[in-house]
Amino acid sequence: MPNGQGEEVWKDGTVYKGDFLNGSKHGKGVYKFLDSSTYEGYFKQDMFQGEGILTVPNGQYKGSFVQGRM
């Protein structure tokens, strides 16, 4: 079970680099999606939670996330 800082890479090219707690993405990190979108901010139990920046091919959202949603 990962704890502390680390990196998780999936076969499809998706990457998470940041904090883990008891095996979950938890704390500050960067998630890079297959389509080159990125989320940089805070996670809680594998979900976007708190302040973050979601950058997608057609724009960007900077603000609060709750349970993975803007």
PDB file of N, CA and C in Angstrom:
ATOM      1  N   MET A   1       0.831  -1.175   0.000  1.00  0.00           N
ATOM      2  CA  MET A   1       0.000   0.000   0.000  1.00  0.00           C
ATOM      3  C   MET A   1       0.882   1.247   0.000  1.00  0.00           C
ATOM      4  N   PRO A   2       0.837   2.025  -1.061  1.00  0.00           N
ATOM      5  CA  PRO A   2       1.679   3.219  -1.123  1.00  0.00           C
ATOM      6  C   PRO A   2       1.296   4.272  -0.071  1.00  0.00           C
ATOM      7  N   ASN A   3       2.304   4.839   0.556  1.00  0.00           N
ATOM      8  CA  ASN A   3       2.168   5.976   1.466  1.00  0.00           C
ATOM      9  C   ASN A   3       3.299   6.940   1.180  1.00  0.00           C
ATOM     10  N   GLY A   4       3.009   8.242   1.212  1.00  0.00           N
ATOM     11  CA  GLY A   4       4.024   9.240   0.897  1.00  0.00           C
ATOM     12  C   GLY A   4       3.952   9.621  -0.562  1.00  0.00           C
ATOM     13  N   GLN A   5       5.046  10.134  -1.094  1.00  0.00           N
ATOM     14  CA  GLN A   5       5.064  10.569  -2.487  1.00  0.00           C
ATOM     15  C   GLN A   5       5.451   9.430  -3.416  1.00  0.00           C
ATOM     16  N   GLY A   6       4.863   9.461  -4.612  1.00  0.00           N
ATOM     17  CA  GLY A   6       5.171   8.429  -5.584  1.00  0.00           C
ATOM     18  C   GLY A   6       4.546   8.724  -6.922  1.00  0.00           C
ATOM     19  N   GLU A   7       4.620   7.736  -7.791  1.00  0.00           N
ATOM     20  CA  GLU A   7       4.090   7.874  -9.148  1.00  0.00           C
ATOM     21  C   GLU A   7       3.397   6.576  -9.530  1.00  0.00           C
ATOM     22  N   GLU A   8       2.237   6.715 -10.172  1.00  0.00           N
ATOM     23  CA  GLU A   8       1.489   5.569 -10.680  1.00  0.00           C
ATOM     24  C   GLU A   8       1.305   5.761 -12.184  1.00  0.00           C
ATOM     25  N   VAL A   9       1.673   4.744 -12.961  1.00  0.00           N
ATOM     26  CA  VAL A   9       1.588   4.826 -14.418  1.00  0.00           C
ATOM     27  C   VAL A   9       0.747   3.653 -14.906  1.00  0.00           C
ATOM     28  N   TRP A  10      -0.268   3.956 -15.723  1.00  0.00           N
ATOM     29  CA  TRP A  10      -1.131   2.925 -16.292  1.00  0.00           C
ATOM     30  C   TRP A  10      -0.648   2.557 -17.684  1.00  0.00           C
ATOM     31  N   LYS A  11      -1.043   1.396 -18.156  1.00  0.00           N
ATOM     32  CA  LYS A  11      -0.626   0.911 -19.477  1.00  0.00           C
ATOM     33  C   LYS A  11      -1.042   1.846 -20.604  1.00  0.00           C
ATOM     34  N   ASP A  12      -2.177   2.560 -20.431  1.00  0.00           N
ATOM     35  CA  ASP A  12      -2.670   3.445 -21.494  1.00  0.00           C
ATOM     36  C   ASP A  12      -1.936   4.789 -21.548  1.00  0.00           C
ATOM     37  N   GLY A  13      -0.995   5.027 -20.627  1.00  0.00           N
ATOM     38  CA  GLY A  13      -0.240   6.272 -20.624  1.00  0.00           C
ATOM     39  C   GLY A  13      -0.694   7.283 -19.601  1.00  0.00           C
ATOM     40  N   THR A  14      -1.774   7.016 -18.899  1.00  0.00           N
ATOM     41  CA  THR A  14      -2.239   7.886 -17.828  1.00  0.00           C
ATOM     42  C   THR A  14      -1.224   7.845 -16.685  1.00  0.00           C
ATOM     43  N   VAL A  15      -0.964   9.015 -16.064  1.00  0.00           N
ATOM     44  CA  VAL A  15       0.043   9.099 -15.006  1.00  0.00           C
ATOM     45  C   VAL A  15      -0.488   9.931 -13.847  1.00  0.00           C
ATOM     46  N   TYR A  16      -0.226   9.463 -12.634  1.00  0.00           N
ATOM     47  CA  TYR A  16      -0.454  10.264 -11.429  1.00  0.00           C
ATOM     48  C   TYR A  16       0.866  10.368 -10.698  1.00  0.00           C
ATOM     49  N   LYS A  17       1.223  11.583 -10.314  1.00  0.00           N
ATOM     50  CA  LYS A  17       2.432  11.812  -9.539  1.00  0.00           C
ATOM     51  C   LYS A  17       2.056  12.711  -8.371  1.00  0.00           C
ATOM     52  N   GLY A  18       2.277  12.208  -7.158  1.00  0.00           N
ATOM     53  CA  GLY A  18       1.937  13.009  -5.999  1.00  0.00           C
ATOM     54  C   GLY A  18       1.874  12.188  -4.730  1.00  0.00           C
ATOM     55  N   ASP A  19       1.014  12.626  -3.823  1.00  0.00           N
ATOM     56  CA  ASP A  19       0.906  12.028  -2.500  1.00  0.00           C
ATOM     57  C   ASP A  19      -0.072  10.859  -2.474  1.00  0.00           C
ATOM     58  N   PHE A  20       0.280   9.854  -1.670  1.00  0.00           N
ATOM     59  CA  PHE A  20      -0.569   8.691  -1.432  1.00  0.00           C
ATOM     60  C   PHE A  20      -0.771   8.526   0.069  1.00  0.00           C
ATOM     61  N   LEU A  21      -1.926   8.008   0.444  1.00  0.00           N
ATOM     62  CA  LEU A  21      -2.204   7.661   1.831  1.00  0.00           C
ATOM     63  C   LEU A  21      -2.986   6.355   1.835  1.00  0.00           C
ATOM     64  N   ASN A  22      -2.430   5.336   2.431  1.00  0.00           N
ATOM     65  CA  ASN A  22      -3.070   4.011   2.497  1.00  0.00           C
ATOM     66  C   ASN A  22      -3.496   3.489   1.127  1.00  0.00           C
ATOM     67  N   GLY A  23      -2.662   3.725   0.112  1.00  0.00           N
ATOM     68  CA  GLY A  23      -2.934   3.213  -1.224  1.00  0.00           C
ATOM     69  C   GLY A  23      -3.797   4.091  -2.111  1.00  0.00           C
ATOM     70  N   SER A  24      -4.306   5.200  -1.585  1.00  0.00           N
ATOM     71  CA  SER A  24      -5.166   6.114  -2.360  1.00  0.00           C
ATOM     72  C   SER A  24      -4.424   7.397  -2.688  1.00  0.00           C
ATOM     73  N   LYS A  25      -4.799   8.016  -3.817  1.00  0.00           N
ATOM     74  CA  LYS A  25      -4.299   9.354  -4.124  1.00  0.00           C
ATOM     75  C   LYS A  25      -4.904  10.277  -3.071  1.00  0.00           C
ATOM     76  N   HIS A  26      -4.044  10.916  -2.278  1.00  0.00           N
ATOM     77  CA  HIS A  26      -4.535  11.707  -1.148  1.00  0.00           C
ATOM     78  C   HIS A  26      -3.488  12.764  -0.807  1.00  0.00           C
ATOM     79  N   GLY A  27      -3.837  14.029  -1.003  1.00  0.00           N
ATOM     80  CA  GLY A  27      -2.894  15.129  -0.823  1.00  0.00           C
ATOM     81  C   GLY A  27      -2.728  15.853  -2.142  1.00  0.00           C
ATOM     82  N   LYS A  28      -1.578  16.432  -2.358  1.00  0.00           N
ATOM     83  CA  LYS A  28      -1.333  17.206  -3.572  1.00  0.00           C
ATOM     84  C   LYS A  28      -0.732  16.324  -4.656  1.00  0.00           C
ATOM     85  N   GLY A  29      -1.203  16.531  -5.911  1.00  0.00           N
ATOM     86  CA  GLY A  29      -0.669  15.744  -7.004  1.00  0.00           C
ATOM     87  C   GLY A  29      -1.060  16.273  -8.373  1.00  0.00           C
ATOM     88  N   VAL A  30      -0.528  15.593  -9.387  1.00  0.00           N
ATOM     89  CA  VAL A  30      -0.823  15.916 -10.793  1.00  0.00           C
ATOM     90  C   VAL A  30      -1.274  14.634 -11.476  1.00  0.00           C
ATOM     91  N   TYR A  31      -2.407  14.707 -12.173  1.00  0.00           N
ATOM     92  CA  TYR A  31      -2.975  13.575 -12.900  1.00  0.00           C
ATOM     93  C   TYR A  31      -2.989  13.952 -14.371  1.00  0.00           C
ATOM     94  N   LYS A  32      -2.299  13.155 -15.203  1.00  0.00           N
ATOM     95  CA  LYS A  32      -2.246  13.413 -16.642  1.00  0.00           C
ATOM     96  C   LYS A  32      -3.057  12.345 -17.350  1.00  0.00           C
ATOM     97  N   PHE A  33      -4.099  12.798 -18.039  1.00  0.00           N
ATOM     98  CA  PHE A  33      -5.007  11.911 -18.751  1.00  0.00           C
ATOM     99  C   PHE A  33      -4.447  11.530 -20.114  1.00  0.00           C
ATOM    100  N   LEU A  34      -4.995  10.483 -20.680  1.00  0.00           N
ATOM    101  CA  LEU A  34      -4.582   9.985 -21.987  1.00  0.00           C
ATOM    102  C   LEU A  34      -4.730  11.045 -23.083  1.00  0.00           C
ATOM    103  N   ASP A  35      -5.779  11.890 -23.008  1.00  0.00           N
ATOM    104  CA  ASP A  35      -6.014  12.903 -24.048  1.00  0.00           C
ATOM    105  C   ASP A  35      -5.189  14.173 -23.845  1.00  0.00           C
ATOM    106  N   SER A  36      -4.187  14.133 -22.960  1.00  0.00           N
ATOM    107  CA  SER A  36      -3.284  15.237 -22.614  1.00  0.00           C
ATOM    108  C   SER A  36      -3.912  16.276 -21.683  1.00  0.00           C
ATOM    109  N   SER A  37      -5.134  16.038 -21.213  1.00  0.00           N
ATOM    110  CA  SER A  37      -5.717  16.886 -20.172  1.00  0.00           C
ATOM    111  C   SER A  37      -4.952  16.637 -18.878  1.00  0.00           C
ATOM    112  N   THR A  38      -4.937  17.640 -17.988  1.00  0.00           N
ATOM    113  CA  THR A  38      -4.270  17.478 -16.702  1.00  0.00           C
ATOM    114  C   THR A  38      -5.110  18.071 -15.579  1.00  0.00           C
ATOM    115  N   TYR A  39      -4.959  17.488 -14.410  1.00  0.00           N
ATOM    116  CA  TYR A  39      -5.516  18.058 -13.186  1.00  0.00           C
ATOM    117  C   TYR A  39      -4.347  18.219 -12.230  1.00  0.00           C
ATOM    118  N   GLU A  40      -4.193  19.423 -11.700  1.00  0.00           N
ATOM    119  CA  GLU A  40      -3.150  19.686 -10.716  1.00  0.00           C
ATOM    120  C   GLU A  40      -3.818  20.297  -9.495  1.00  0.00           C
ATOM    121  N   GLY A  41      -3.694  19.613  -8.383  1.00  0.00           N
ATOM    122  CA  GLY A  41      -4.329  20.111  -7.173  1.00  0.00           C
ATOM    123  C   GLY A  41      -4.383  19.049  -6.106  1.00  0.00           C
ATOM    124  N   TYR A  42      -5.466  19.086  -5.340  1.00  0.00           N
ATOM    125  CA  TYR A  42      -5.594  18.212  -4.181  1.00  0.00           C
ATOM    126  C   TYR A  42      -6.536  17.046  -4.445  1.00  0.00           C
ATOM    127  N   PHE A  43      -6.224  15.929  -3.800  1.00  0.00           N
ATOM    128  CA  PHE A  43      -6.995  14.700  -3.896  1.00  0.00           C
ATOM    129  C   PHE A  43      -7.384  14.248  -2.493  1.00  0.00           C
ATOM    130  N   LYS A  44      -8.497  13.558  -2.405  1.00  0.00           N
ATOM    131  CA  LYS A  44      -8.899  12.904  -1.166  1.00  0.00           C
ATOM    132  C   LYS A  44      -9.514  11.571  -1.554  1.00  0.00           C
ATOM    133  N   GLN A  45      -8.912  10.486  -1.095  1.00  0.00           N
ATOM    134  CA  GLN A  45      -9.391   9.136  -1.385  1.00  0.00           C
ATOM    135  C   GLN A  45      -9.649   8.931  -2.885  1.00  0.00           C
ATOM    136  N   ASP A  46      -8.647   9.230  -3.692  1.00  0.00           N
ATOM    137  CA  ASP A  46      -8.655   9.035  -5.152  1.00  0.00           C
ATOM    138  C   ASP A  46      -9.535  10.005  -5.943  1.00  0.00           C
ATOM    139  N   MET A  47     -10.135  11.000  -5.306  1.00  0.00           N
ATOM    140  CA  MET A  47     -10.984  11.959  -6.032  1.00  0.00           C
ATOM    141  C   MET A  47     -10.400  13.367  -5.935  1.00  0.00           C
ATOM    142  N   PHE A  48     -10.679  14.179  -6.961  1.00  0.00           N
ATOM    143  CA  PHE A  48     -10.305  15.595  -6.906  1.00  0.00           C
ATOM    144  C   PHE A  48     -11.071  16.201  -5.732  1.00  0.00           C
ATOM    145  N   GLN A  49     -10.360  16.907  -4.857  1.00  0.00           N
ATOM    146  CA  GLN A  49     -11.005  17.467  -3.669  1.00  0.00           C
ATOM    147  C   GLN A  49     -10.237  18.692  -3.224  1.00  0.00           C
ATOM    148  N   GLY A  50     -10.909  19.831  -3.146  1.00  0.00           N
ATOM    149  CA  GLY A  50     -10.252  21.072  -2.746  1.00  0.00           C
ATOM    150  C   GLY A  50      -9.887  21.906  -3.963  1.00  0.00           C
ATOM    151  N   GLU A  51      -8.876  22.742  -3.800  1.00  0.00           N
ATOM    152  CA  GLU A  51      -8.460  23.638  -4.879  1.00  0.00           C
ATOM    153  C   GLU A  51      -7.650  22.888  -5.931  1.00  0.00           C
ATOM    154  N   GLY A  52      -7.931  23.217  -7.204  1.00  0.00           N
ATOM    155  CA  GLY A  52      -7.205  22.581  -8.282  1.00  0.00           C
ATOM    156  C   GLY A  52      -7.395  23.280  -9.604  1.00  0.00           C
ATOM    157  N   ILE A  53      -6.622  22.843 -10.577  1.00  0.00           N
ATOM    158  CA  ILE A  53      -6.706  23.377 -11.946  1.00  0.00           C
ATOM    159  C   ILE A  53      -6.880  22.196 -12.893  1.00  0.00           C
ATOM    160  N   LEU A  54      -7.975  22.206 -13.631  1.00  0.00           N
ATOM    161  CA  LEU A  54      -8.237  21.190 -14.645  1.00  0.00           C
ATOM    162  C   LEU A  54      -8.040  21.842 -16.003  1.00  0.00           C
ATOM    163  N   THR A  55      -7.087  21.334 -16.770  1.00  0.00           N
ATOM    164  CA  THR A  55      -6.797  21.863 -18.095  1.00  0.00           C
ATOM    165  C   THR A  55      -7.184  20.806 -19.125  1.00  0.00           C
ATOM    166  N   VAL A  56      -8.082  21.183 -20.020  1.00  0.00           N
ATOM    167  CA  VAL A  56      -8.557  20.288 -21.081  1.00  0.00           C
ATOM    168  C   VAL A  56      -8.208  20.928 -22.423  1.00  0.00           C
ATOM    169  N   PRO A  57      -8.293  20.175 -23.530  1.00  0.00           N
ATOM    170  CA  PRO A  57      -7.903  20.735 -24.828  1.00  0.00           C
ATOM    171  C   PRO A  57      -8.590  22.059 -25.192  1.00  0.00           C
ATOM    172  N   ASN A  58      -9.808  22.290 -24.722  1.00  0.00           N
ATOM    173  CA  ASN A  58     -10.519  23.514 -25.122  1.00  0.00           C
ATOM    174  C   ASN A  58     -10.669  24.541 -24.001  1.00  0.00           C
ATOM    175  N   GLY A  59      -9.906  24.401 -22.899  1.00  0.00           N
ATOM    176  CA  GLY A  59     -10.012  25.409 -21.857  1.00  0.00           C
ATOM    177  C   GLY A  59      -9.446  24.959 -20.526  1.00  0.00           C
ATOM    178  N   GLN A  60      -9.750  25.775 -19.509  1.00  0.00           N
ATOM    179  CA  GLN A  60      -9.208  25.509 -18.188  1.00  0.00           C
ATOM    180  C   GLN A  60     -10.210  25.952 -17.119  1.00  0.00           C
ATOM    181  N   TYR A  61     -10.282  25.177 -16.050  1.00  0.00           N
ATOM    182  CA  TYR A  61     -11.093  25.529 -14.882  1.00  0.00           C
ATOM    183  C   TYR A  61     -10.166  25.583 -13.686  1.00  0.00           C
ATOM    184  N   LYS A  62     -10.214  26.696 -12.959  1.00  0.00           N
ATOM    185  CA  LYS A  62      -9.430  26.845 -11.747  1.00  0.00           C
ATOM    186  C   LYS A  62     -10.397  27.152 -10.628  1.00  0.00           C
ATOM    187  N   GLY A  63     -10.420  26.294  -9.608  1.00  0.00           N
ATOM    188  CA  GLY A  63     -11.339  26.526  -8.515  1.00  0.00           C
ATOM    189  C   GLY A  63     -11.457  25.308  -7.614  1.00  0.00           C
ATOM    190  N   SER A  64     -12.625  25.198  -6.991  1.00  0.00           N
ATOM    191  CA  SER A  64     -12.855  24.143  -6.002  1.00  0.00           C
ATOM    192  C   SER A  64     -13.465  22.904  -6.630  1.00  0.00           C
ATOM    193  N   PHE A  65     -13.089  21.764  -6.089  1.00  0.00           N
ATOM    194  CA  PHE A  65     -13.629  20.465  -6.470  1.00  0.00           C
ATOM    195  C   PHE A  65     -14.154  19.772  -5.216  1.00  0.00           C
ATOM    196  N   VAL A  66     -15.280  19.100  -5.355  1.00  0.00           N
ATOM    197  CA  VAL A  66     -15.854  18.338  -4.245  1.00  0.00           C
ATOM    198  C   VAL A  66     -16.184  16.955  -4.766  1.00  0.00           C
ATOM    199  N   GLN A  67     -15.613  15.944  -4.148  1.00  0.00           N
ATOM    200  CA  GLN A  67     -15.815  14.555  -4.547  1.00  0.00           C
ATOM    201  C   GLN A  67     -15.657  14.341  -6.052  1.00  0.00           C
ATOM    202  N   GLY A  68     -14.608  14.936  -6.611  1.00  0.00           N
ATOM    203  CA  GLY A  68     -14.277  14.743  -8.017  1.00  0.00           C
ATOM    204  C   GLY A  68     -15.002  15.627  -8.999  1.00  0.00           C
ATOM    205  N   ARG A  69     -15.865  16.508  -8.522  1.00  0.00           N
ATOM    206  CA  ARG A  69     -16.647  17.376  -9.420  1.00  0.00           C
ATOM    207  C   ARG A  69     -16.339  18.856  -9.179  1.00  0.00           C
ATOM    208  N   MET A  70     -16.448  19.635 -10.258  1.00  0.00           N
ATOM    209  CA  MET A  70     -16.218  21.082 -10.171  1.00  0.00           C
ATOM    210  C   MET A  70     -17.341  21.734  -9.385  1.00  0.00           C
TER     211      MET A  70
END
